[in-house]
Amino acid sequence: MMDPADPHNLHDPADHEILETIQIATAGNHSDASMERLREPLMRVAGVKDVRADVAAELVTVTFDARKTHAPDLHDIVLKSGYKPALFAG
């Protein structure tokens, strides 16, 4: 039996968000404009709440509702946008 207090219990019928934050390192993004082109498609994904781009660190931080989307889907958006995830964040 699943513990109803577990924040990752996706079978919980309560209508509340389960927010997660991930960082995606992106290789080759050196301008605000290129990072904005990546931010826009991520913000269109159901459940994405916030996308912050750090141009200097070539890093995108995404906060999302884990009930509506998943980290691999967000990584796919990065790839489909023409950017390559880097091996390491930071």
PDB file of N, CA and C in Angstrom:
ATOM      1  N   MET A   1       0.841  -1.187   0.000  1.00  0.00           N
ATOM      2  CA  MET A   1       0.000   0.000   0.000  1.00  0.00           C
ATOM      3  C   MET A   1       0.883   1.246   0.000  1.00  0.00           C
ATOM      4  N   MET A   2       0.491   2.225  -0.805  1.00  0.00           N
ATOM      5  CA  MET A   2       1.270   3.452  -0.900  1.00  0.00           C
ATOM      6  C   MET A   2       0.944   4.374   0.271  1.00  0.00           C
ATOM      7  N   ASP A   3       1.953   5.062   0.766  1.00  0.00           N
ATOM      8  CA  ASP A   3       1.797   5.995   1.874  1.00  0.00           C
ATOM      9  C   ASP A   3       1.200   7.298   1.346  1.00  0.00           C
ATOM     10  N   PRO A   4       0.009   7.703   1.820  1.00  0.00           N
ATOM     11  CA  PRO A   4      -0.601   8.938   1.317  1.00  0.00           C
ATOM     12  C   PRO A   4       0.197  10.188   1.670  1.00  0.00           C
ATOM     13  N   ALA A   5       1.122  10.092   2.625  1.00  0.00           N
ATOM     14  CA  ALA A   5       1.957  11.236   2.984  1.00  0.00           C
ATOM     15  C   ALA A   5       3.151  11.388   2.042  1.00  0.00           C
ATOM     16  N   ASP A   6       3.403  10.383   1.223  1.00  0.00           N
ATOM     17  CA  ASP A   6       4.518  10.422   0.279  1.00  0.00           C
ATOM     18  C   ASP A   6       4.219  11.453  -0.802  1.00  0.00           C
ATOM     19  N   PRO A   7       5.063  12.500  -0.953  1.00  0.00           N
ATOM     20  CA  PRO A   7       4.775  13.539  -1.952  1.00  0.00           C
ATOM     21  C   PRO A   7       4.826  13.034  -3.386  1.00  0.00           C
ATOM     22  N   HIS A   8       5.386  11.847  -3.610  1.00  0.00           N
ATOM     23  CA  HIS A   8       5.454  11.293  -4.962  1.00  0.00           C
ATOM     24  C   HIS A   8       4.387  10.243  -5.218  1.00  0.00           C
ATOM     25  N   ASN A   9       3.414  10.163  -4.324  1.00  0.00           N
ATOM     26  CA  ASN A   9       2.305   9.229  -4.504  1.00  0.00           C
ATOM     27  C   ASN A   9       1.383   9.809  -5.572  1.00  0.00           C
ATOM     28  N   LEU A  10       1.590   9.398  -6.806  1.00  0.00           N
ATOM     29  CA  LEU A  10       0.824   9.952  -7.931  1.00  0.00           C
ATOM     30  C   LEU A  10      -0.602   9.429  -7.981  1.00  0.00           C
ATOM     31  N   HIS A  11      -0.931   8.507  -7.088  1.00  0.00           N
ATOM     32  CA  HIS A  11      -2.298   7.995  -7.038  1.00  0.00           C
ATOM     33  C   HIS A  11      -3.146   8.753  -6.032  1.00  0.00           C
ATOM     34  N   ASP A  12      -2.560   9.761  -5.411  1.00  0.00           N
ATOM     35  CA  ASP A  12      -3.261  10.611  -4.463  1.00  0.00           C
ATOM     36  C   ASP A  12      -4.308  11.404  -5.239  1.00  0.00           C
ATOM     37  N   PRO A  13      -5.587  11.303  -4.881  1.00  0.00           N
ATOM     38  CA  PRO A  13      -6.620  11.999  -5.633  1.00  0.00           C
ATOM     39  C   PRO A  13      -6.654  13.504  -5.377  1.00  0.00           C
ATOM     40  N   ALA A  14      -5.923  13.997  -4.395  1.00  0.00           N
ATOM     41  CA  ALA A  14      -5.929  15.426  -4.115  1.00  0.00           C
ATOM     42  C   ALA A  14      -5.405  16.186  -5.328  1.00  0.00           C
ATOM     43  N   ASP A  15      -5.992  17.340  -5.569  1.00  0.00           N
ATOM     44  CA  ASP A  15      -5.614  18.142  -6.731  1.00  0.00           C
ATOM     45  C   ASP A  15      -4.564  19.168  -6.333  1.00  0.00           C
ATOM     46  N   HIS A  16      -3.341  18.707  -6.137  1.00  0.00           N
ATOM     47  CA  HIS A  16      -2.254  19.622  -5.820  1.00  0.00           C
ATOM     48  C   HIS A  16      -1.050  19.261  -6.673  1.00  0.00           C
ATOM     49  N   GLU A  17      -0.200  20.263  -6.844  1.00  0.00           N
ATOM     50  CA  GLU A  17       0.980  20.068  -7.679  1.00  0.00           C
ATOM     51  C   GLU A  17       2.076  19.344  -6.914  1.00  0.00           C
ATOM     52  N   ILE A  18       2.890  18.623  -7.649  1.00  0.00           N
ATOM     53  CA  ILE A  18       4.122  18.052  -7.110  1.00  0.00           C
ATOM     54  C   ILE A  18       5.237  18.719  -7.906  1.00  0.00           C
ATOM     55  N   LEU A  19       5.810  19.760  -7.324  1.00  0.00           N
ATOM     56  CA  LEU A  19       6.805  20.535  -8.044  1.00  0.00           C
ATOM     57  C   LEU A  19       8.199  19.939  -7.878  1.00  0.00           C
ATOM     58  N   GLU A  20       8.885  19.857  -8.989  1.00  0.00           N
ATOM     59  CA  GLU A  20      10.278  19.419  -9.015  1.00  0.00           C
ATOM     60  C   GLU A  20      11.066  20.455  -9.799  1.00  0.00           C
ATOM     61  N   THR A  21      12.343  20.562  -9.498  1.00  0.00           N
ATOM     62  CA  THR A  21      13.225  21.476 -10.220  1.00  0.00           C
ATOM     63  C   THR A  21      14.438  20.692 -10.704  1.00  0.00           C
ATOM     64  N   ILE A  22      14.745  20.863 -11.982  1.00  0.00           N
ATOM     65  CA  ILE A  22      15.928  20.219 -12.547  1.00  0.00           C
ATOM     66  C   ILE A  22      16.782  21.281 -13.215  1.00  0.00           C
ATOM     67  N   GLN A  23      18.058  20.978 -13.364  1.00  0.00           N
ATOM     68  CA  GLN A  23      18.960  21.834 -14.109  1.00  0.00           C
ATOM     69  C   GLN A  23      19.452  21.056 -15.322  1.00  0.00           C
ATOM     70  N   ILE A  24      19.413  21.720 -16.467  1.00  0.00           N
ATOM     71  CA  ILE A  24      19.879  21.116 -17.707  1.00  0.00           C
ATOM     72  C   ILE A  24      21.033  21.968 -18.221  1.00  0.00           C
ATOM     73  N   ALA A  25      22.204  21.385 -18.287  1.00  0.00           N
ATOM     74  CA  ALA A  25      23.361  22.088 -18.846  1.00  0.00           C
ATOM     75  C   ALA A  25      23.262  22.007 -20.362  1.00  0.00           C
ATOM     76  N   THR A  26      23.459  23.133 -21.013  1.00  0.00           N
ATOM     77  CA  THR A  26      23.330  23.184 -22.466  1.00  0.00           C
ATOM     78  C   THR A  26      24.624  23.678 -23.079  1.00  0.00           C
ATOM     79  N   ALA A  27      25.158  22.939 -23.994  1.00  0.00           N
ATOM     80  CA  ALA A  27      26.433  23.291 -24.632  1.00  0.00           C
ATOM     81  C   ALA A  27      26.210  24.280 -25.764  1.00  0.00           C
ATOM     82  N   GLY A  28      27.022  25.315 -25.795  1.00  0.00           N
ATOM     83  CA  GLY A  28      27.031  26.217 -26.942  1.00  0.00           C
ATOM     84  C   GLY A  28      26.043  27.352 -26.906  1.00  0.00           C
ATOM     85  N   ASN A  29      25.377  27.592 -25.795  1.00  0.00           N
ATOM     86  CA  ASN A  29      24.426  28.700 -25.717  1.00  0.00           C
ATOM     87  C   ASN A  29      25.113  29.894 -25.068  1.00  0.00           C
ATOM     88  N   HIS A  30      25.517  30.854 -25.896  1.00  0.00           N
ATOM     89  CA  HIS A  30      26.317  31.955 -25.377  1.00  0.00           C
ATOM     90  C   HIS A  30      25.606  33.294 -25.415  1.00  0.00           C
ATOM     91  N   SER A  31      24.334  33.328 -25.780  1.00  0.00           N
ATOM     92  CA  SER A  31      23.651  34.619 -25.850  1.00  0.00           C
ATOM     93  C   SER A  31      22.267  34.527 -25.206  1.00  0.00           C
ATOM     94  N   ASP A  32      21.785  35.691 -24.769  1.00  0.00           N
ATOM     95  CA  ASP A  32      20.435  35.753 -24.199  1.00  0.00           C
ATOM     96  C   ASP A  32      19.399  35.319 -25.227  1.00  0.00           C
ATOM     97  N   ALA A  33      19.603  35.686 -26.477  1.00  0.00           N
ATOM     98  CA  ALA A  33      18.638  35.340 -27.526  1.00  0.00           C
ATOM     99  C   ALA A  33      18.557  33.834 -27.727  1.00  0.00           C
ATOM    100  N   SER A  34      19.697  33.152 -27.727  1.00  0.00           N
ATOM    101  CA  SER A  34      19.651  31.702 -27.930  1.00  0.00           C
ATOM    102  C   SER A  34      19.009  31.005 -26.739  1.00  0.00           C
ATOM    103  N   MET A  35      19.258  31.491 -25.540  1.00  0.00           N
ATOM    104  CA  MET A  35      18.631  30.890 -24.371  1.00  0.00           C
ATOM    105  C   MET A  35      17.126  31.161 -24.360  1.00  0.00           C
ATOM    106  N   GLU A  36      16.708  32.327 -24.845  1.00  0.00           N
ATOM    107  CA  GLU A  36      15.278  32.642 -24.907  1.00  0.00           C
ATOM    108  C   GLU A  36      14.581  31.720 -25.904  1.00  0.00           C
ATOM    109  N   ARG A  37      15.254  31.369 -26.999  1.00  0.00           N
ATOM    110  CA  ARG A  37      14.657  30.440 -27.967  1.00  0.00           C
ATOM    111  C   ARG A  37      14.472  29.060 -27.343  1.00  0.00           C
ATOM    112  N   LEU A  38      15.273  28.728 -26.370  1.00  0.00           N
ATOM    113  CA  LEU A  38      15.117  27.462 -25.658  1.00  0.00           C
ATOM    114  C   LEU A  38      14.038  27.578 -24.586  1.00  0.00           C
ATOM    115  N   ARG A  39      13.941  28.721 -23.941  1.00  0.00           N
ATOM    116  CA  ARG A  39      12.978  28.937 -22.864  1.00  0.00           C
ATOM    117  C   ARG A  39      11.534  28.834 -23.366  1.00  0.00           C
ATOM    118  N   GLU A  40      11.264  29.421 -24.508  1.00  0.00           N
ATOM    119  CA  GLU A  40       9.890  29.474 -25.021  1.00  0.00           C
ATOM    120  C   GLU A  40       9.258  28.092 -25.196  1.00  0.00           C
ATOM    121  N   PRO A  41       9.903  27.129 -25.869  1.00  0.00           N
ATOM    122  CA  PRO A  41       9.258  25.823 -26.011  1.00  0.00           C
ATOM    123  C   PRO A  41       9.109  25.087 -24.677  1.00  0.00           C
ATOM    124  N   LEU A  42      10.022  25.310 -23.751  1.00  0.00           N
ATOM    125  CA  LEU A  42       9.894  24.671 -22.443  1.00  0.00           C
ATOM    126  C   LEU A  42       8.689  25.225 -21.690  1.00  0.00           C
ATOM    127  N   MET A  43       8.454  26.528 -21.795  1.00  0.00           N
ATOM    128  CA  MET A  43       7.313  27.142 -21.097  1.00  0.00           C
ATOM    129  C   MET A  43       5.972  26.686 -21.671  1.00  0.00           C
ATOM    130  N   ARG A  44       5.966  26.191 -22.904  1.00  0.00           N
ATOM    131  CA  ARG A  44       4.717  25.709 -23.512  1.00  0.00           C
ATOM    132  C   ARG A  44       4.343  24.295 -23.062  1.00  0.00           C
ATOM    133  N   VAL A  45       5.254  23.595 -22.392  1.00  0.00           N
ATOM    134  CA  VAL A  45       4.985  22.229 -21.935  1.00  0.00           C
ATOM    135  C   VAL A  45       4.021  22.278 -20.751  1.00  0.00           C
ATOM    136  N   ALA A  46       2.979  21.448 -20.810  1.00  0.00           N
ATOM    137  CA  ALA A  46       2.013  21.379 -19.710  1.00  0.00           C
ATOM    138  C   ALA A  46       2.736  21.057 -18.407  1.00  0.00           C
ATOM    139  N   GLY A  47       2.465  21.846 -17.391  1.00  0.00           N
ATOM    140  CA  GLY A  47       3.044  21.600 -16.085  1.00  0.00           C
ATOM    141  C   GLY A  47       4.303  22.385 -15.789  1.00  0.00           C
ATOM    142  N   VAL A  48       4.928  22.971 -16.808  1.00  0.00           N
ATOM    143  CA  VAL A  48       6.139  23.767 -16.552  1.00  0.00           C
ATOM    144  C   VAL A  48       5.717  25.085 -15.921  1.00  0.00           C
ATOM    145  N   LYS A  49       6.316  25.387 -14.785  1.00  0.00           N
ATOM    146  CA  LYS A  49       5.961  26.587 -14.028  1.00  0.00           C
ATOM    147  C   LYS A  49       6.962  27.715 -14.211  1.00  0.00           C
ATOM    148  N   ASP A  50       8.243  27.371 -14.386  1.00  0.00           N
ATOM    149  CA  ASP A  50       9.260  28.402 -14.473  1.00  0.00           C
ATOM    150  C   ASP A  50      10.469  27.866 -15.220  1.00  0.00           C
ATOM    151  N   VAL A  51      11.063  28.711 -16.039  1.00  0.00           N
ATOM    152  CA  VAL A  51      12.298  28.374 -16.747  1.00  0.00           C
ATOM    153  C   VAL A  51      13.237  29.554 -16.577  1.00  0.00           C
ATOM    154  N   ARG A  52      14.405  29.288 -16.028  1.00  0.00           N
ATOM    155  CA  ARG A  52      15.408  30.338 -15.845  1.00  0.00           C
ATOM    156  C   ARG A  52      16.679  29.917 -16.567  1.00  0.00           C
ATOM    157  N   ALA A  53      17.202  30.842 -17.337  1.00  0.00           N
ATOM    158  CA  ALA A  53      18.409  30.561 -18.110  1.00  0.00           C
ATOM    159  C   ALA A  53      19.567  31.367 -17.551  1.00  0.00           C
ATOM    160  N   ASP A  54      20.689  30.711 -17.365  1.00  0.00           N
ATOM    161  CA  ASP A  54      21.929  31.354 -16.947  1.00  0.00           C
ATOM    162  C   ASP A  54      22.900  31.235 -18.118  1.00  0.00           C
ATOM    163  N   VAL A  55      23.034  32.322 -18.877  1.00  0.00           N
ATOM    164  CA  VAL A  55      23.839  32.304 -20.091  1.00  0.00           C
ATOM    165  C   VAL A  55      25.300  32.005 -19.769  1.00  0.00           C
ATOM    166  N   ALA A  56      25.840  32.652 -18.740  1.00  0.00           N
ATOM    167  CA  ALA A  56      27.255  32.480 -18.409  1.00  0.00           C
ATOM    168  C   ALA A  56      27.582  31.030 -18.064  1.00  0.00           C
ATOM    169  N   ALA A  57      26.673  30.365 -17.343  1.00  0.00           N
ATOM    170  CA  ALA A  57      26.906  28.977 -16.933  1.00  0.00           C
ATOM    171  C   ALA A  57      26.380  27.972 -17.964  1.00  0.00           C
ATOM    172  N   GLU A  58      25.706  28.476 -19.034  1.00  0.00           N
ATOM    173  CA  GLU A  58      25.069  27.601 -20.031  1.00  0.00           C
ATOM    174  C   GLU A  58      24.186  26.577 -19.331  1.00  0.00           C
ATOM    175  N   LEU A  59      23.272  27.099 -18.498  1.00  0.00           N
ATOM    176  CA  LEU A  59      22.440  26.260 -17.644  1.00  0.00           C
ATOM    177  C   LEU A  59      21.001  26.740 -17.687  1.00  0.00           C
ATOM    178  N   VAL A  60      20.079  25.791 -17.800  1.00  0.00           N
ATOM    179  CA  VAL A  60      18.657  26.100 -17.752  1.00  0.00           C
ATOM    180  C   VAL A  60      18.077  25.387 -16.534  1.00  0.00           C
ATOM    181  N   THR A  61      17.349  26.131 -15.702  1.00  0.00           N
ATOM    182  CA  THR A  61      16.695  25.561 -14.529  1.00  0.00           C
ATOM    183  C   THR A  61      15.197  25.556 -14.795  1.00  0.00           C
ATOM    184  N   VAL A  62      14.576  24.387 -14.682  1.00  0.00           N
ATOM    185  CA  VAL A  62      13.157  24.229 -14.994  1.00  0.00           C
ATOM    186  C   VAL A  62      12.432  23.719 -13.754  1.00  0.00           C
ATOM    187  N   THR A  63      11.358  24.420 -13.362  1.00  0.00           N
ATOM    188  CA  THR A  63      10.480  23.975 -12.284  1.00  0.00           C
ATOM    189  C   THR A  63       9.185  23.514 -12.941  1.00  0.00           C
ATOM    190  N   PHE A  64       8.741  22.294 -12.577  1.00  0.00           N
ATOM    191  CA  PHE A  64       7.576  21.716 -13.248  1.00  0.00           C
ATOM    192  C   PHE A  64       6.763  20.860 -12.291  1.00  0.00           C
ATOM    193  N   ASP A  65       5.505  20.623 -12.677  1.00  0.00           N
ATOM    194  CA  ASP A  65       4.600  19.759 -11.937  1.00  0.00           C
ATOM    195  C   ASP A  65       4.833  18.328 -12.423  1.00  0.00           C
ATOM    196  N   ALA A  66       5.343  17.482 -11.547  1.00  0.00           N
ATOM    197  CA  ALA A  66       5.673  16.102 -11.915  1.00  0.00           C
ATOM    198  C   ALA A  66       4.449  15.276 -12.276  1.00  0.00           C
ATOM    199  N   ARG A  67       3.253  15.773 -11.994  1.00  0.00           N
ATOM    200  CA  ARG A  67       2.036  15.063 -12.395  1.00  0.00           C
ATOM    201  C   ARG A  67       1.713  15.310 -13.870  1.00  0.00           C
ATOM    202  N   LYS A  68       2.300  16.364 -14.447  1.00  0.00           N
ATOM    203  CA  LYS A  68       1.947  16.744 -15.816  1.00  0.00           C
ATOM    204  C   LYS A  68       3.057  16.521 -16.833  1.00  0.00           C
ATOM    205  N   THR A  69       4.292  16.503 -16.403  1.00  0.00           N
ATOM    206  CA  THR A  69       5.409  16.257 -17.307  1.00  0.00           C
ATOM    207  C   THR A  69       6.555  15.642 -16.519  1.00  0.00           C
ATOM    208  N   HIS A  70       7.577  15.195 -17.224  1.00  0.00           N
ATOM    209  CA  HIS A  70       8.687  14.499 -16.587  1.00  0.00           C
ATOM    210  C   HIS A  70      10.014  15.012 -17.139  1.00  0.00           C
ATOM    211  N   ALA A  71      11.066  14.872 -16.356  1.00  0.00           N
ATOM    212  CA  ALA A  71      12.390  15.367 -16.740  1.00  0.00           C
ATOM    213  C   ALA A  71      12.837  14.875 -18.118  1.00  0.00           C
ATOM    214  N   PRO A  72      12.662  13.578 -18.458  1.00  0.00           N
ATOM    215  CA  PRO A  72      13.092  13.144 -19.800  1.00  0.00           C
ATOM    216  C   PRO A  72      12.372  13.893 -20.929  1.00  0.00           C
ATOM    217  N   ASP A  73      11.108  14.246 -20.706  1.00  0.00           N
ATOM    218  CA  ASP A  73      10.371  15.010 -21.712  1.00  0.00           C
ATOM    219  C   ASP A  73      10.995  16.393 -21.903  1.00  0.00           C
ATOM    220  N   LEU A  74      11.455  16.987 -20.809  1.00  0.00           N
ATOM    221  CA  LEU A  74      12.071  18.310 -20.890  1.00  0.00           C
ATOM    222  C   LEU A  74      13.419  18.231 -21.598  1.00  0.00           C
ATOM    223  N   HIS A  75      14.160  17.173 -21.332  1.00  0.00           N
ATOM    224  CA  HIS A  75      15.428  16.968 -22.049  1.00  0.00           C
ATOM    225  C   HIS A  75      15.173  16.790 -23.543  1.00  0.00           C
ATOM    226  N   ASP A  76      14.085  16.100 -23.902  1.00  0.00           N
ATOM    227  CA  ASP A  76      13.724  15.928 -25.314  1.00  0.00           C
ATOM    228  C   ASP A  76      13.442  17.278 -25.977  1.00  0.00           C
ATOM    229  N   ILE A  77      12.782  18.179 -25.265  1.00  0.00           N
ATOM    230  CA  ILE A  77      12.497  19.518 -25.800  1.00  0.00           C
ATOM    231  C   ILE A  77      13.816  20.239 -26.097  1.00  0.00           C
ATOM    232  N   VAL A  78      14.781  20.101 -25.200  1.00  0.00           N
ATOM    233  CA  VAL A  78      16.095  20.722 -25.425  1.00  0.00           C
ATOM    234  C   VAL A  78      16.701  20.187 -26.718  1.00  0.00           C
ATOM    235  N   LEU A  79      16.669  18.867 -26.891  1.00  0.00           N
ATOM    236  CA  LEU A  79      17.237  18.261 -28.098  1.00  0.00           C
ATOM    237  C   LEU A  79      16.491  18.695 -29.356  1.00  0.00           C
ATOM    238  N   LYS A  80      15.163  18.709 -29.300  1.00  0.00           N
ATOM    239  CA  LYS A  80      14.352  19.085 -30.457  1.00  0.00           C
ATOM    240  C   LYS A  80      14.504  20.558 -30.809  1.00  0.00           C
ATOM    241  N   SER A  81      14.930  21.359 -29.845  1.00  0.00           N
ATOM    242  CA  SER A  81      15.141  22.789 -30.095  1.00  0.00           C
ATOM    243  C   SER A  81      16.486  23.056 -30.756  1.00  0.00           C
ATOM    244  N   GLY A  82      17.274  21.998 -30.959  1.00  0.00           N
ATOM    245  CA  GLY A  82      18.544  22.136 -31.632  1.00  0.00           C
ATOM    246  C   GLY A  82      19.731  22.332 -30.703  1.00  0.00           C
ATOM    247  N   TYR A  83      19.497  22.230 -29.416  1.00  0.00           N
ATOM    248  CA  TYR A  83      20.577  22.387 -28.443  1.00  0.00           C
ATOM    249  C   TYR A  83      21.005  21.020 -27.946  1.00  0.00           C
ATOM    250  N   LYS A  84      22.224  20.972 -27.469  1.00  0.00           N
ATOM    251  CA  LYS A  84      22.745  19.712 -26.950  1.00  0.00           C
ATOM    252  C   LYS A  84      22.935  19.827 -25.442  1.00  0.00           C
ATOM    253  N   PRO A  85      22.341  18.927 -24.669  1.00  0.00           N
ATOM    254  CA  PRO A  85      22.624  18.937 -23.236  1.00  0.00           C
ATOM    255  C   PRO A  85      24.102  18.666 -23.024  1.00  0.00           C
ATOM    256  N   ALA A  86      24.706  19.397 -22.110  1.00  0.00           N
ATOM    257  CA  ALA A  86      26.113  19.177 -21.771  1.00  0.00           C
ATOM    258  C   ALA A  86      26.191  18.042 -20.756  1.00  0.00           C
ATOM    259  N   LEU A  87      27.383  17.511 -20.563  1.00  0.00           N
ATOM    260  CA  LEU A  87      27.554  16.399 -19.643  1.00  0.00           C
ATOM    261  C   LEU A  87      27.355  16.796 -18.196  1.00  0.00           C
ATOM    262  N   PHE A  88      27.770  17.989 -17.834  1.00  0.00           N
ATOM    263  CA  PHE A  88      27.710  18.402 -16.436  1.00  0.00           C
ATOM    264  C   PHE A  88      27.103  19.787 -16.312  1.00  0.00           C
ATOM    265  N   ALA A  89      26.266  19.956 -15.295  1.00  0.00           N
ATOM    266  CA  ALA A  89      25.726  21.275 -14.980  1.00  0.00           C
ATOM    267  C   ALA A  89      26.747  22.017 -14.140  1.00  0.00           C
ATOM    268  N   GLY A  90      26.840  23.323 -14.358  1.00  0.00           N
ATOM    269  CA  GLY A  90      27.697  24.161 -13.530  1.00  0.00           C
ATOM    270  C   GLY A  90      29.065  24.170 -14.040  1.00  0.00           C
TER     271      GLY A  90
END
